[in-house]
Each structure stands twice: as C-alpha cells, then as structure tokens.
Amino acid sequence: MKAMKEDKSELIFAFPSCLHNDVRSVLNLFPQTTGLTYTPHFFEVISCDETLYIPERIYYDVPSSKQIDLLSFDQQKVLDTLFTRHHNGFVREEKVKEIIRSANDDIWIIPYLIKLVGEYVIEILQAIKENLHLIDIEKIKVFLSENPKFYQTIESRVISYWDCYYRRRYPKKEDYVGFDILSHFNA
C-alpha cells in the first residue's frame, strides 16, 4: 500500500491517463477540505499498461443527482467507480451494480471490482456474482496475471472474512459467495 498526502488531486492517479480530464471534472464536484476525505493509503495495480493508485476508502459525500446529471456518461462511470471505494457499504453496493455492466468495455474498472471481492459485505459479493456473466473472464485473467500479489491479497481476504464472519452460516467454503467468485476467476 502506498501512502500519499491527502489532496483530492491525487485521486487522478486512480485512473488511466486517458481519463484524467474526465477525472478532473468529477473531482471538481468534491470540496477541497482539510478534513478526512479519503484514506492516505492506496493499493497499487497495473491496468491499461499503467500503475494506478486506488484509495482504500473515500469519505466524500455522494454528489446530488442534479450535479451528476451535468456529467458526461464517461464522467459518471468515473464517479461511480471511485465511489466503489466509499466508506459506506450501501454506497459501494449501489455503485458496483452501476459499473459492472461497463467492465468489458472499460477494463480500468476491473481492479475496482476485484478489490470488492476481498471485502466483507456479502451483498456486494452477491451483486458481483450475479453479474459475472457480463465480464469477459479473459480480461479478468489478464489483469490477475499482471497483478499476482494483489490477487493473493484478495484471495487471503476472502478466506479471512469467510472464517471470521461467515463460517457458521456457510460451514462448507464452497457455499460462500466469495469462493464462488474466486473459482470463477481461477477456472
């Protein structure tokens, strides 16, 4: 994990350079504050032949629908993708449902989806599993092959969260949605 200073302009590095103008437009919706707006810790992945620094969590308020309506379609995808890192699990769940349909066309979305697989909110995992058919597995495999340490971390988190939170409900690992998703990726 990389630590960065807390300045919203650094969030531009969470996306490929071809999207930086769109990201700037999205970031203009967020106030420049001195309070906590995202964790200063980022995870590092390779996507679109670039190193991306994606925040662990963001604490910005979701912009109003009036503000979102002023964004282009691509800017809305950037916003939705960024908010999959939101501190509120309900926001993450809502946003993953929005972006998963675009993962085939916009492969820069894939690291955000994979990161969510390593989280504890089972409703997010279920939303991903229900929509895996929309994503070309070969694109996922390319991403995973370029980011083996990142994927090992995700696999470890799936195991840990199952063991800690879901083992009683799903005594057989293969019944837990996180393992279903990993099996799909590893097929």
N, C-alpha and C. Protein backbone atom coordinates (compact mmCIF):
# COMPACT_ATOMS: atom_id res chain seq x y z
N MET A 1 0.83 -1.17 0.00
CA MET A 1 0.00 0.00 0.00
C MET A 1 0.88 1.24 0.00
N LYS A 2 0.53 2.17 -0.81
CA LYS A 2 1.29 3.41 -0.93
C LYS A 2 0.59 4.50 -0.12
N ALA A 3 1.36 5.28 0.61
CA ALA A 3 0.79 6.41 1.35
C ALA A 3 1.01 7.67 0.54
N MET A 4 -0.02 8.50 0.47
CA MET A 4 0.07 9.76 -0.25
C MET A 4 -0.48 10.85 0.64
N LYS A 5 -0.14 12.08 0.33
CA LYS A 5 -0.72 13.18 1.09
C LYS A 5 -2.19 13.31 0.71
N GLU A 6 -2.96 13.92 1.58
CA GLU A 6 -4.39 14.00 1.34
C GLU A 6 -4.73 15.26 0.56
N ASP A 7 -4.85 15.11 -0.73
CA ASP A 7 -5.21 16.18 -1.64
C ASP A 7 -6.02 15.52 -2.74
N LYS A 8 -7.23 16.00 -2.97
CA LYS A 8 -8.12 15.33 -3.92
C LYS A 8 -7.50 15.19 -5.31
N SER A 9 -6.57 16.06 -5.66
CA SER A 9 -5.95 15.97 -6.99
C SER A 9 -5.18 14.67 -7.17
N GLU A 10 -4.75 14.06 -6.08
CA GLU A 10 -4.03 12.78 -6.20
C GLU A 10 -4.93 11.64 -6.64
N LEU A 11 -6.23 11.81 -6.48
CA LEU A 11 -7.15 10.76 -6.90
C LEU A 11 -7.13 10.55 -8.41
N ILE A 12 -6.55 11.47 -9.13
CA ILE A 12 -6.43 11.32 -10.58
C ILE A 12 -5.60 10.07 -10.93
N PHE A 13 -4.69 9.70 -10.03
CA PHE A 13 -3.82 8.56 -10.29
C PHE A 13 -4.51 7.21 -10.05
N ALA A 14 -5.78 7.26 -9.68
CA ALA A 14 -6.57 6.04 -9.53
C ALA A 14 -7.14 5.59 -10.87
N PHE A 15 -6.86 6.36 -11.92
CA PHE A 15 -7.42 6.09 -13.24
C PHE A 15 -6.33 6.21 -14.31
N PRO A 16 -6.51 5.52 -15.44
CA PRO A 16 -5.53 5.65 -16.54
C PRO A 16 -5.48 7.09 -17.06
N SER A 17 -4.35 7.46 -17.58
CA SER A 17 -4.13 8.84 -18.03
C SER A 17 -5.12 9.28 -19.11
N CYS A 18 -5.63 8.36 -19.91
CA CYS A 18 -6.61 8.72 -20.94
C CYS A 18 -7.90 9.27 -20.34
N LEU A 19 -8.12 9.05 -19.04
CA LEU A 19 -9.34 9.53 -18.37
C LEU A 19 -9.11 10.76 -17.49
N HIS A 20 -7.89 11.27 -17.44
CA HIS A 20 -7.58 12.32 -16.49
C HIS A 20 -8.45 13.58 -16.63
N ASN A 21 -8.81 13.95 -17.84
CA ASN A 21 -9.70 15.12 -17.99
C ASN A 21 -11.07 14.84 -17.39
N ASP A 22 -11.58 13.64 -17.62
CA ASP A 22 -12.87 13.26 -17.02
C ASP A 22 -12.76 13.20 -15.49
N VAL A 23 -11.65 12.67 -15.00
CA VAL A 23 -11.46 12.58 -13.55
C VAL A 23 -11.42 13.98 -12.94
N ARG A 24 -10.73 14.90 -13.58
CA ARG A 24 -10.68 16.29 -13.08
C ARG A 24 -12.08 16.89 -12.96
N SER A 25 -12.91 16.63 -13.96
CA SER A 25 -14.29 17.13 -13.92
C SER A 25 -15.05 16.55 -12.74
N VAL A 26 -14.86 15.28 -12.49
CA VAL A 26 -15.51 14.63 -11.35
C VAL A 26 -14.98 15.20 -10.04
N LEU A 27 -13.67 15.36 -9.94
CA LEU A 27 -13.07 15.86 -8.71
C LEU A 27 -13.51 17.29 -8.40
N ASN A 28 -13.88 18.04 -9.41
CA ASN A 28 -14.38 19.40 -9.19
C ASN A 28 -15.69 19.42 -8.39
N LEU A 29 -16.39 18.29 -8.34
CA LEU A 29 -17.61 18.19 -7.55
C LEU A 29 -17.31 18.08 -6.06
N PHE A 30 -16.07 17.72 -5.72
CA PHE A 30 -15.70 17.50 -4.33
C PHE A 30 -15.05 18.74 -3.76
N PRO A 31 -15.41 19.10 -2.55
CA PRO A 31 -14.77 20.28 -1.94
C PRO A 31 -13.31 19.97 -1.57
N GLN A 32 -12.48 20.98 -1.65
CA GLN A 32 -11.10 20.84 -1.16
C GLN A 32 -11.16 21.15 0.33
N THR A 33 -10.95 20.15 1.15
CA THR A 33 -11.07 20.34 2.60
C THR A 33 -9.79 19.93 3.29
N THR A 34 -9.71 20.27 4.54
CA THR A 34 -8.57 19.81 5.34
C THR A 34 -8.97 18.61 6.19
N GLY A 35 -10.26 18.24 6.17
CA GLY A 35 -10.72 17.07 6.92
C GLY A 35 -10.46 15.79 6.15
N LEU A 36 -10.77 14.67 6.77
CA LEU A 36 -10.56 13.37 6.14
C LEU A 36 -11.53 13.19 4.98
N THR A 37 -11.00 13.05 3.77
CA THR A 37 -11.83 12.84 2.60
C THR A 37 -11.51 11.50 1.93
N TYR A 38 -10.36 10.95 2.20
CA TYR A 38 -10.00 9.60 1.79
C TYR A 38 -8.82 9.15 2.62
N THR A 39 -8.70 7.84 2.72
CA THR A 39 -7.56 7.34 3.49
C THR A 39 -6.29 7.66 2.73
N PRO A 40 -5.22 7.94 3.42
CA PRO A 40 -3.98 8.23 2.71
C PRO A 40 -3.27 6.97 2.22
N HIS A 41 -3.96 5.85 2.27
CA HIS A 41 -3.39 4.58 1.80
C HIS A 41 -4.06 4.16 0.51
N PHE A 42 -3.23 3.77 -0.43
CA PHE A 42 -3.70 3.38 -1.75
C PHE A 42 -3.20 1.98 -2.05
N PHE A 43 -3.95 1.22 -2.84
CA PHE A 43 -3.41 -0.03 -3.34
C PHE A 43 -2.96 0.21 -4.78
N GLU A 44 -1.92 -0.47 -5.12
CA GLU A 44 -1.25 -0.25 -6.40
C GLU A 44 -1.53 -1.43 -7.32
N VAL A 45 -1.98 -1.15 -8.54
CA VAL A 45 -2.23 -2.19 -9.52
C VAL A 45 -1.76 -1.72 -10.89
N ILE A 46 -1.56 -2.68 -11.76
CA ILE A 46 -1.25 -2.39 -13.16
C ILE A 46 -2.55 -2.59 -13.94
N SER A 47 -2.95 -1.58 -14.68
CA SER A 47 -4.12 -1.66 -15.53
C SER A 47 -3.93 -0.72 -16.70
N CYS A 48 -4.29 -1.16 -17.89
CA CYS A 48 -4.14 -0.34 -19.10
C CYS A 48 -2.68 0.08 -19.27
N ASP A 49 -1.76 -0.82 -18.93
CA ASP A 49 -0.31 -0.58 -19.05
C ASP A 49 0.17 0.59 -18.20
N GLU A 50 -0.56 0.91 -17.15
CA GLU A 50 -0.17 1.99 -16.24
C GLU A 50 -0.30 1.51 -14.80
N THR A 51 0.45 2.12 -13.92
CA THR A 51 0.29 1.86 -12.49
C THR A 51 -0.77 2.81 -11.96
N LEU A 52 -1.79 2.23 -11.35
CA LEU A 52 -2.86 3.02 -10.76
C LEU A 52 -2.73 2.95 -9.24
N TYR A 53 -3.06 4.05 -8.57
CA TYR A 53 -3.03 4.14 -7.11
C TYR A 53 -4.46 4.42 -6.66
N ILE A 54 -5.14 3.38 -6.24
CA ILE A 54 -6.57 3.45 -5.91
C ILE A 54 -6.72 3.57 -4.40
N PRO A 55 -7.52 4.52 -3.92
CA PRO A 55 -7.64 4.69 -2.47
C PRO A 55 -8.36 3.52 -1.82
N GLU A 56 -7.95 3.19 -0.62
CA GLU A 56 -8.64 2.16 0.15
C GLU A 56 -10.06 2.61 0.44
N ARG A 57 -10.24 3.83 0.89
CA ARG A 57 -11.57 4.36 1.20
C ARG A 57 -11.61 5.85 0.89
N ILE A 58 -12.80 6.30 0.49
CA ILE A 58 -13.04 7.74 0.34
C ILE A 58 -14.18 8.12 1.28
N TYR A 59 -14.20 9.37 1.68
CA TYR A 59 -15.19 9.87 2.63
C TYR A 59 -15.96 11.08 2.10
N TYR A 60 -15.90 11.29 0.81
CA TYR A 60 -16.68 12.37 0.21
C TYR A 60 -18.16 12.01 0.22
N ASP A 61 -19.01 13.03 0.30
CA ASP A 61 -20.43 12.80 0.15
C ASP A 61 -20.72 12.53 -1.32
N VAL A 62 -21.68 11.66 -1.57
CA VAL A 62 -22.10 11.40 -2.95
C VAL A 62 -22.73 12.67 -3.49
N PRO A 63 -22.30 13.13 -4.66
CA PRO A 63 -22.89 14.35 -5.23
C PRO A 63 -24.39 14.18 -5.47
N SER A 64 -25.09 15.29 -5.53
CA SER A 64 -26.52 15.26 -5.77
C SER A 64 -26.81 14.78 -7.19
N SER A 65 -28.01 14.29 -7.41
CA SER A 65 -28.38 13.84 -8.75
C SER A 65 -28.33 15.00 -9.74
N LYS A 66 -28.59 16.19 -9.27
CA LYS A 66 -28.51 17.39 -10.12
C LYS A 66 -27.07 17.59 -10.62
N GLN A 67 -26.10 17.41 -9.72
CA GLN A 67 -24.68 17.53 -10.11
C GLN A 67 -24.28 16.40 -11.04
N ILE A 68 -24.72 15.20 -10.74
CA ILE A 68 -24.36 14.03 -11.54
C ILE A 68 -24.91 14.17 -12.96
N ASP A 69 -26.11 14.72 -13.08
CA ASP A 69 -26.73 14.90 -14.40
C ASP A 69 -25.91 15.82 -15.31
N LEU A 70 -25.07 16.66 -14.73
CA LEU A 70 -24.23 17.56 -15.52
C LEU A 70 -22.99 16.87 -16.08
N LEU A 71 -22.71 15.66 -15.59
CA LEU A 71 -21.53 14.93 -16.04
C LEU A 71 -21.82 14.16 -17.33
N SER A 72 -20.77 13.97 -18.11
CA SER A 72 -20.89 13.13 -19.30
C SER A 72 -21.04 11.67 -18.86
N PHE A 73 -21.37 10.81 -19.79
CA PHE A 73 -21.52 9.38 -19.48
C PHE A 73 -20.22 8.81 -18.91
N ASP A 74 -19.08 9.14 -19.55
CA ASP A 74 -17.78 8.64 -19.05
C ASP A 74 -17.46 9.21 -17.68
N GLN A 75 -17.77 10.45 -17.45
CA GLN A 75 -17.53 11.06 -16.14
C GLN A 75 -18.39 10.39 -15.06
N GLN A 76 -19.61 10.02 -15.42
CA GLN A 76 -20.46 9.31 -14.46
C GLN A 76 -19.87 7.95 -14.12
N LYS A 77 -19.28 7.27 -15.11
CA LYS A 77 -18.63 5.98 -14.84
C LYS A 77 -17.44 6.17 -13.91
N VAL A 78 -16.66 7.23 -14.13
CA VAL A 78 -15.53 7.53 -13.24
C VAL A 78 -16.05 7.76 -11.82
N LEU A 79 -17.08 8.57 -11.69
CA LEU A 79 -17.66 8.85 -10.38
C LEU A 79 -18.14 7.57 -9.71
N ASP A 80 -18.92 6.76 -10.43
CA ASP A 80 -19.44 5.52 -9.86
C ASP A 80 -18.30 4.58 -9.45
N THR A 81 -17.29 4.50 -10.29
CA THR A 81 -16.16 3.63 -9.98
C THR A 81 -15.42 4.12 -8.74
N LEU A 82 -15.17 5.39 -8.66
CA LEU A 82 -14.50 5.95 -7.49
C LEU A 82 -15.30 5.68 -6.21
N PHE A 83 -16.62 5.77 -6.31
CA PHE A 83 -17.45 5.56 -5.13
C PHE A 83 -17.60 4.09 -4.74
N THR A 84 -17.02 3.17 -5.52
CA THR A 84 -16.93 1.78 -5.03
C THR A 84 -15.91 1.69 -3.90
N ARG A 85 -15.19 2.77 -3.64
CA ARG A 85 -14.21 2.83 -2.55
C ARG A 85 -14.78 3.61 -1.36
N HIS A 86 -16.05 3.96 -1.41
CA HIS A 86 -16.69 4.74 -0.36
C HIS A 86 -16.70 3.99 0.97
N HIS A 87 -16.68 4.72 2.06
CA HIS A 87 -16.67 4.10 3.39
C HIS A 87 -17.99 3.41 3.72
N ASN A 88 -19.08 3.77 3.06
CA ASN A 88 -20.39 3.20 3.33
C ASN A 88 -20.64 2.01 2.40
N GLY A 89 -20.86 0.83 2.98
CA GLY A 89 -21.08 -0.37 2.19
C GLY A 89 -22.30 -0.30 1.29
N PHE A 90 -23.33 0.43 1.70
CA PHE A 90 -24.52 0.58 0.85
C PHE A 90 -24.18 1.36 -0.42
N VAL A 91 -23.34 2.37 -0.29
CA VAL A 91 -22.90 3.14 -1.47
C VAL A 91 -22.06 2.24 -2.37
N ARG A 92 -21.14 1.48 -1.78
CA ARG A 92 -20.31 0.58 -2.59
C ARG A 92 -21.18 -0.42 -3.35
N GLU A 93 -22.17 -0.97 -2.68
CA GLU A 93 -23.06 -1.94 -3.32
C GLU A 93 -23.82 -1.31 -4.49
N GLU A 94 -24.37 -0.13 -4.27
CA GLU A 94 -25.10 0.58 -5.33
C GLU A 94 -24.19 0.85 -6.52
N LYS A 95 -22.99 1.30 -6.25
CA LYS A 95 -22.08 1.69 -7.34
C LYS A 95 -21.53 0.49 -8.09
N VAL A 96 -21.29 -0.63 -7.40
CA VAL A 96 -20.80 -1.80 -8.12
C VAL A 96 -21.85 -2.29 -9.11
N LYS A 97 -23.10 -2.17 -8.76
CA LYS A 97 -24.17 -2.56 -9.69
C LYS A 97 -24.19 -1.66 -10.92
N GLU A 98 -23.78 -0.42 -10.75
CA GLU A 98 -23.72 0.52 -11.88
C GLU A 98 -22.54 0.21 -12.81
N ILE A 99 -21.39 -0.07 -12.24
CA ILE A 99 -20.18 -0.18 -13.06
C ILE A 99 -19.94 -1.56 -13.66
N ILE A 100 -20.49 -2.59 -13.07
CA ILE A 100 -20.16 -3.94 -13.52
C ILE A 100 -20.55 -4.17 -14.98
N ARG A 101 -21.57 -3.48 -15.42
CA ARG A 101 -22.02 -3.62 -16.82
C ARG A 101 -21.00 -3.04 -17.81
N SER A 102 -20.12 -2.17 -17.32
CA SER A 102 -19.16 -1.50 -18.20
C SER A 102 -17.77 -2.11 -18.18
N ALA A 103 -17.56 -3.14 -17.38
CA ALA A 103 -16.21 -3.67 -17.19
C ALA A 103 -15.61 -4.25 -18.47
N ASN A 104 -16.41 -4.78 -19.37
CA ASN A 104 -15.86 -5.31 -20.61
C ASN A 104 -15.34 -4.22 -21.52
N ASP A 105 -16.05 -3.11 -21.57
CA ASP A 105 -15.65 -2.01 -22.44
C ASP A 105 -14.59 -1.13 -21.79
N ASP A 106 -14.63 -1.03 -20.49
CA ASP A 106 -13.71 -0.17 -19.75
C ASP A 106 -12.92 -1.03 -18.76
N ILE A 107 -11.85 -1.63 -19.26
CA ILE A 107 -11.12 -2.59 -18.42
C ILE A 107 -10.48 -1.95 -17.20
N TRP A 108 -10.38 -0.65 -17.16
CA TRP A 108 -9.85 0.04 -15.98
C TRP A 108 -10.78 -0.13 -14.78
N ILE A 109 -12.00 -0.61 -15.00
CA ILE A 109 -12.95 -0.87 -13.92
C ILE A 109 -12.61 -2.17 -13.19
N ILE A 110 -11.97 -3.10 -13.87
CA ILE A 110 -11.72 -4.43 -13.31
C ILE A 110 -11.00 -4.38 -11.95
N PRO A 111 -9.95 -3.58 -11.75
CA PRO A 111 -9.31 -3.61 -10.41
C PRO A 111 -10.26 -3.20 -9.29
N TYR A 112 -11.18 -2.31 -9.58
CA TYR A 112 -12.15 -1.89 -8.57
C TYR A 112 -13.08 -3.05 -8.21
N LEU A 113 -13.50 -3.81 -9.22
CA LEU A 113 -14.36 -4.97 -8.96
C LEU A 113 -13.62 -6.04 -8.17
N ILE A 114 -12.40 -6.34 -8.58
CA ILE A 114 -11.62 -7.38 -7.90
C ILE A 114 -11.39 -6.98 -6.45
N LYS A 115 -11.09 -5.72 -6.20
CA LYS A 115 -10.87 -5.25 -4.83
C LYS A 115 -12.11 -5.50 -3.97
N LEU A 116 -13.29 -5.29 -4.52
CA LEU A 116 -14.53 -5.51 -3.77
C LEU A 116 -14.74 -6.97 -3.39
N VAL A 117 -14.18 -7.88 -4.18
CA VAL A 117 -14.31 -9.31 -3.87
C VAL A 117 -13.62 -9.62 -2.53
N GLY A 118 -12.60 -8.86 -2.19
CA GLY A 118 -11.87 -9.07 -0.95
C GLY A 118 -12.44 -8.30 0.23
N GLU A 119 -13.70 -7.94 0.17
CA GLU A 119 -14.33 -7.21 1.27
C GLU A 119 -15.37 -8.08 1.94
N TYR A 120 -15.85 -7.64 3.09
CA TYR A 120 -16.71 -8.46 3.95
C TYR A 120 -18.20 -8.28 3.72
N VAL A 121 -18.63 -7.30 2.94
CA VAL A 121 -20.06 -7.05 2.75
C VAL A 121 -20.59 -8.06 1.73
N ILE A 122 -21.33 -9.03 2.23
CA ILE A 122 -21.77 -10.14 1.40
C ILE A 122 -22.71 -9.70 0.28
N GLU A 123 -23.48 -8.64 0.50
CA GLU A 123 -24.39 -8.16 -0.54
C GLU A 123 -23.61 -7.64 -1.76
N ILE A 124 -22.43 -7.08 -1.53
CA ILE A 124 -21.59 -6.63 -2.64
C ILE A 124 -21.08 -7.85 -3.41
N LEU A 125 -20.65 -8.86 -2.68
CA LEU A 125 -20.18 -10.09 -3.33
C LEU A 125 -21.29 -10.75 -4.14
N GLN A 126 -22.50 -10.75 -3.60
CA GLN A 126 -23.63 -11.35 -4.33
C GLN A 126 -23.94 -10.56 -5.60
N ALA A 127 -23.85 -9.25 -5.53
CA ALA A 127 -24.08 -8.42 -6.73
C ALA A 127 -23.03 -8.72 -7.79
N ILE A 128 -21.79 -8.92 -7.38
CA ILE A 128 -20.73 -9.25 -8.34
C ILE A 128 -20.98 -10.62 -8.94
N LYS A 129 -21.27 -11.60 -8.09
CA LYS A 129 -21.50 -12.96 -8.58
C LYS A 129 -22.65 -13.01 -9.58
N GLU A 130 -23.74 -12.31 -9.28
CA GLU A 130 -24.91 -12.31 -10.17
C GLU A 130 -24.62 -11.71 -11.54
N ASN A 131 -23.55 -10.94 -11.63
CA ASN A 131 -23.24 -10.24 -12.89
C ASN A 131 -21.93 -10.68 -13.53
N LEU A 132 -21.32 -11.74 -13.02
CA LEU A 132 -20.04 -12.19 -13.59
C LEU A 132 -20.16 -12.55 -15.06
N HIS A 133 -21.31 -13.00 -15.48
CA HIS A 133 -21.51 -13.36 -16.89
C HIS A 133 -21.35 -12.17 -17.83
N LEU A 134 -21.41 -10.96 -17.29
CA LEU A 134 -21.27 -9.76 -18.10
C LEU A 134 -19.81 -9.40 -18.40
N ILE A 135 -18.90 -10.05 -17.69
CA ILE A 135 -17.47 -9.70 -17.81
C ILE A 135 -16.72 -10.82 -18.50
N ASP A 136 -15.95 -10.47 -19.49
CA ASP A 136 -15.11 -11.43 -20.21
C ASP A 136 -14.05 -11.95 -19.25
N ILE A 137 -14.11 -13.24 -18.95
CA ILE A 137 -13.18 -13.84 -17.99
C ILE A 137 -11.74 -13.69 -18.45
N GLU A 138 -11.50 -13.65 -19.73
CA GLU A 138 -10.12 -13.49 -20.23
C GLU A 138 -9.55 -12.13 -19.83
N LYS A 139 -10.37 -11.10 -19.82
CA LYS A 139 -9.90 -9.78 -19.39
C LYS A 139 -9.56 -9.79 -17.91
N ILE A 140 -10.35 -10.50 -17.14
CA ILE A 140 -10.04 -10.63 -15.70
C ILE A 140 -8.73 -11.38 -15.53
N LYS A 141 -8.56 -12.47 -16.26
CA LYS A 141 -7.34 -13.28 -16.13
C LYS A 141 -6.10 -12.49 -16.51
N VAL A 142 -6.20 -11.66 -17.54
CA VAL A 142 -5.06 -10.81 -17.92
C VAL A 142 -4.72 -9.87 -16.76
N PHE A 143 -5.74 -9.24 -16.19
CA PHE A 143 -5.50 -8.34 -15.07
C PHE A 143 -4.86 -9.11 -13.90
N LEU A 144 -5.39 -10.27 -13.57
CA LEU A 144 -4.86 -11.04 -12.44
C LEU A 144 -3.42 -11.49 -12.69
N SER A 145 -3.11 -11.83 -13.93
CA SER A 145 -1.73 -12.26 -14.24
C SER A 145 -0.74 -11.10 -14.13
N GLU A 146 -1.21 -9.88 -14.35
CA GLU A 146 -0.36 -8.69 -14.22
C GLU A 146 -0.23 -8.22 -12.77
N ASN A 147 -1.10 -8.74 -11.90
CA ASN A 147 -1.16 -8.28 -10.50
C ASN A 147 -1.25 -9.46 -9.54
N PRO A 148 -0.27 -10.39 -9.57
CA PRO A 148 -0.38 -11.60 -8.75
C PRO A 148 -0.39 -11.33 -7.24
N LYS A 149 0.40 -10.38 -6.76
CA LYS A 149 0.41 -10.09 -5.32
C LYS A 149 -0.92 -9.51 -4.87
N PHE A 150 -1.46 -8.64 -5.68
CA PHE A 150 -2.76 -8.04 -5.39
C PHE A 150 -3.81 -9.15 -5.29
N TYR A 151 -3.80 -10.08 -6.24
CA TYR A 151 -4.78 -11.15 -6.24
C TYR A 151 -4.58 -12.09 -5.05
N GLN A 152 -3.34 -12.35 -4.67
CA GLN A 152 -3.10 -13.18 -3.48
C GLN A 152 -3.70 -12.53 -2.24
N THR A 153 -3.59 -11.22 -2.16
CA THR A 153 -4.19 -10.49 -1.04
C THR A 153 -5.71 -10.64 -1.05
N ILE A 154 -6.31 -10.54 -2.22
CA ILE A 154 -7.76 -10.68 -2.33
C ILE A 154 -8.17 -12.09 -1.90
N GLU A 155 -7.47 -13.10 -2.39
CA GLU A 155 -7.78 -14.48 -2.00
C GLU A 155 -7.67 -14.66 -0.48
N SER A 156 -6.63 -14.11 0.10
CA SER A 156 -6.44 -14.21 1.55
C SER A 156 -7.56 -13.54 2.31
N ARG A 157 -8.02 -12.41 1.81
CA ARG A 157 -9.11 -11.69 2.48
C ARG A 157 -10.42 -12.47 2.38
N VAL A 158 -10.67 -13.09 1.24
CA VAL A 158 -11.88 -13.90 1.11
C VAL A 158 -11.87 -15.00 2.17
N ILE A 159 -10.74 -15.67 2.31
CA ILE A 159 -10.61 -16.73 3.31
C ILE A 159 -10.82 -16.16 4.72
N SER A 160 -10.17 -15.06 5.01
CA SER A 160 -10.27 -14.46 6.35
C SER A 160 -11.68 -14.02 6.69
N TYR A 161 -12.34 -13.34 5.75
CA TYR A 161 -13.69 -12.86 6.03
C TYR A 161 -14.67 -14.02 6.15
N TRP A 162 -14.51 -15.05 5.34
CA TRP A 162 -15.35 -16.23 5.49
C TRP A 162 -15.14 -16.82 6.88
N ASP A 163 -13.88 -17.01 7.26
CA ASP A 163 -13.57 -17.62 8.55
C ASP A 163 -14.10 -16.78 9.72
N CYS A 164 -13.96 -15.49 9.63
CA CYS A 164 -14.32 -14.59 10.72
C CYS A 164 -15.82 -14.33 10.81
N TYR A 165 -16.47 -14.10 9.67
CA TYR A 165 -17.85 -13.65 9.68
C TYR A 165 -18.89 -14.65 9.17
N TYR A 166 -18.50 -15.56 8.28
CA TYR A 166 -19.49 -16.35 7.58
C TYR A 166 -19.35 -17.86 7.73
N ARG A 167 -18.36 -18.33 8.46
CA ARG A 167 -18.12 -19.76 8.59
C ARG A 167 -19.32 -20.48 9.22
N ARG A 168 -19.97 -19.87 10.19
CA ARG A 168 -21.13 -20.52 10.82
C ARG A 168 -22.29 -20.66 9.84
N ARG A 169 -22.51 -19.62 9.06
CA ARG A 169 -23.61 -19.65 8.10
C ARG A 169 -23.30 -20.56 6.91
N TYR A 170 -22.03 -20.60 6.52
CA TYR A 170 -21.58 -21.42 5.38
C TYR A 170 -20.43 -22.31 5.82
N PRO A 171 -20.73 -23.42 6.52
CA PRO A 171 -19.65 -24.28 7.02
C PRO A 171 -18.78 -24.85 5.90
N LYS A 172 -19.38 -25.07 4.73
CA LYS A 172 -18.60 -25.53 3.57
C LYS A 172 -18.13 -24.29 2.82
N LYS A 173 -16.83 -24.18 2.67
CA LYS A 173 -16.27 -23.00 1.99
C LYS A 173 -16.91 -22.77 0.62
N GLU A 174 -17.16 -23.85 -0.10
CA GLU A 174 -17.68 -23.71 -1.47
C GLU A 174 -19.10 -23.14 -1.51
N ASP A 175 -19.77 -23.04 -0.36
CA ASP A 175 -21.10 -22.43 -0.31
C ASP A 175 -21.05 -20.91 -0.12
N TYR A 176 -19.89 -20.41 0.21
CA TYR A 176 -19.72 -18.97 0.44
C TYR A 176 -19.46 -18.26 -0.89
N VAL A 177 -20.18 -17.19 -1.15
CA VAL A 177 -20.14 -16.48 -2.43
C VAL A 177 -18.73 -16.02 -2.82
N GLY A 178 -17.93 -15.63 -1.86
CA GLY A 178 -16.56 -15.21 -2.17
C GLY A 178 -15.75 -16.30 -2.85
N PHE A 179 -15.92 -17.53 -2.38
CA PHE A 179 -15.20 -18.65 -3.00
C PHE A 179 -15.77 -18.98 -4.37
N ASP A 180 -17.07 -18.77 -4.56
CA ASP A 180 -17.67 -18.95 -5.89
C ASP A 180 -17.02 -18.01 -6.90
N ILE A 181 -16.84 -16.78 -6.49
CA ILE A 181 -16.24 -15.77 -7.39
C ILE A 181 -14.79 -16.14 -7.69
N LEU A 182 -14.03 -16.51 -6.66
CA LEU A 182 -12.63 -16.91 -6.88
C LEU A 182 -12.55 -18.12 -7.80
N SER A 183 -13.45 -19.08 -7.64
CA SER A 183 -13.47 -20.27 -8.53
C SER A 183 -13.72 -19.84 -9.96
N HIS A 184 -14.61 -18.89 -10.15
CA HIS A 184 -14.89 -18.38 -11.49
C HIS A 184 -13.62 -17.76 -12.10
N PHE A 185 -12.92 -16.97 -11.30
CA PHE A 185 -11.68 -16.33 -11.78
C PHE A 185 -10.61 -17.36 -12.09
N ASN A 186 -10.55 -18.42 -11.30
CA ASN A 186 -9.48 -19.40 -11.43
C ASN A 186 -9.79 -20.51 -12.42
N ALA A 187 -11.01 -20.52 -12.98
CA ALA A 187 -11.43 -21.60 -13.91
C ALA A 187 -10.62 -21.56 -15.19
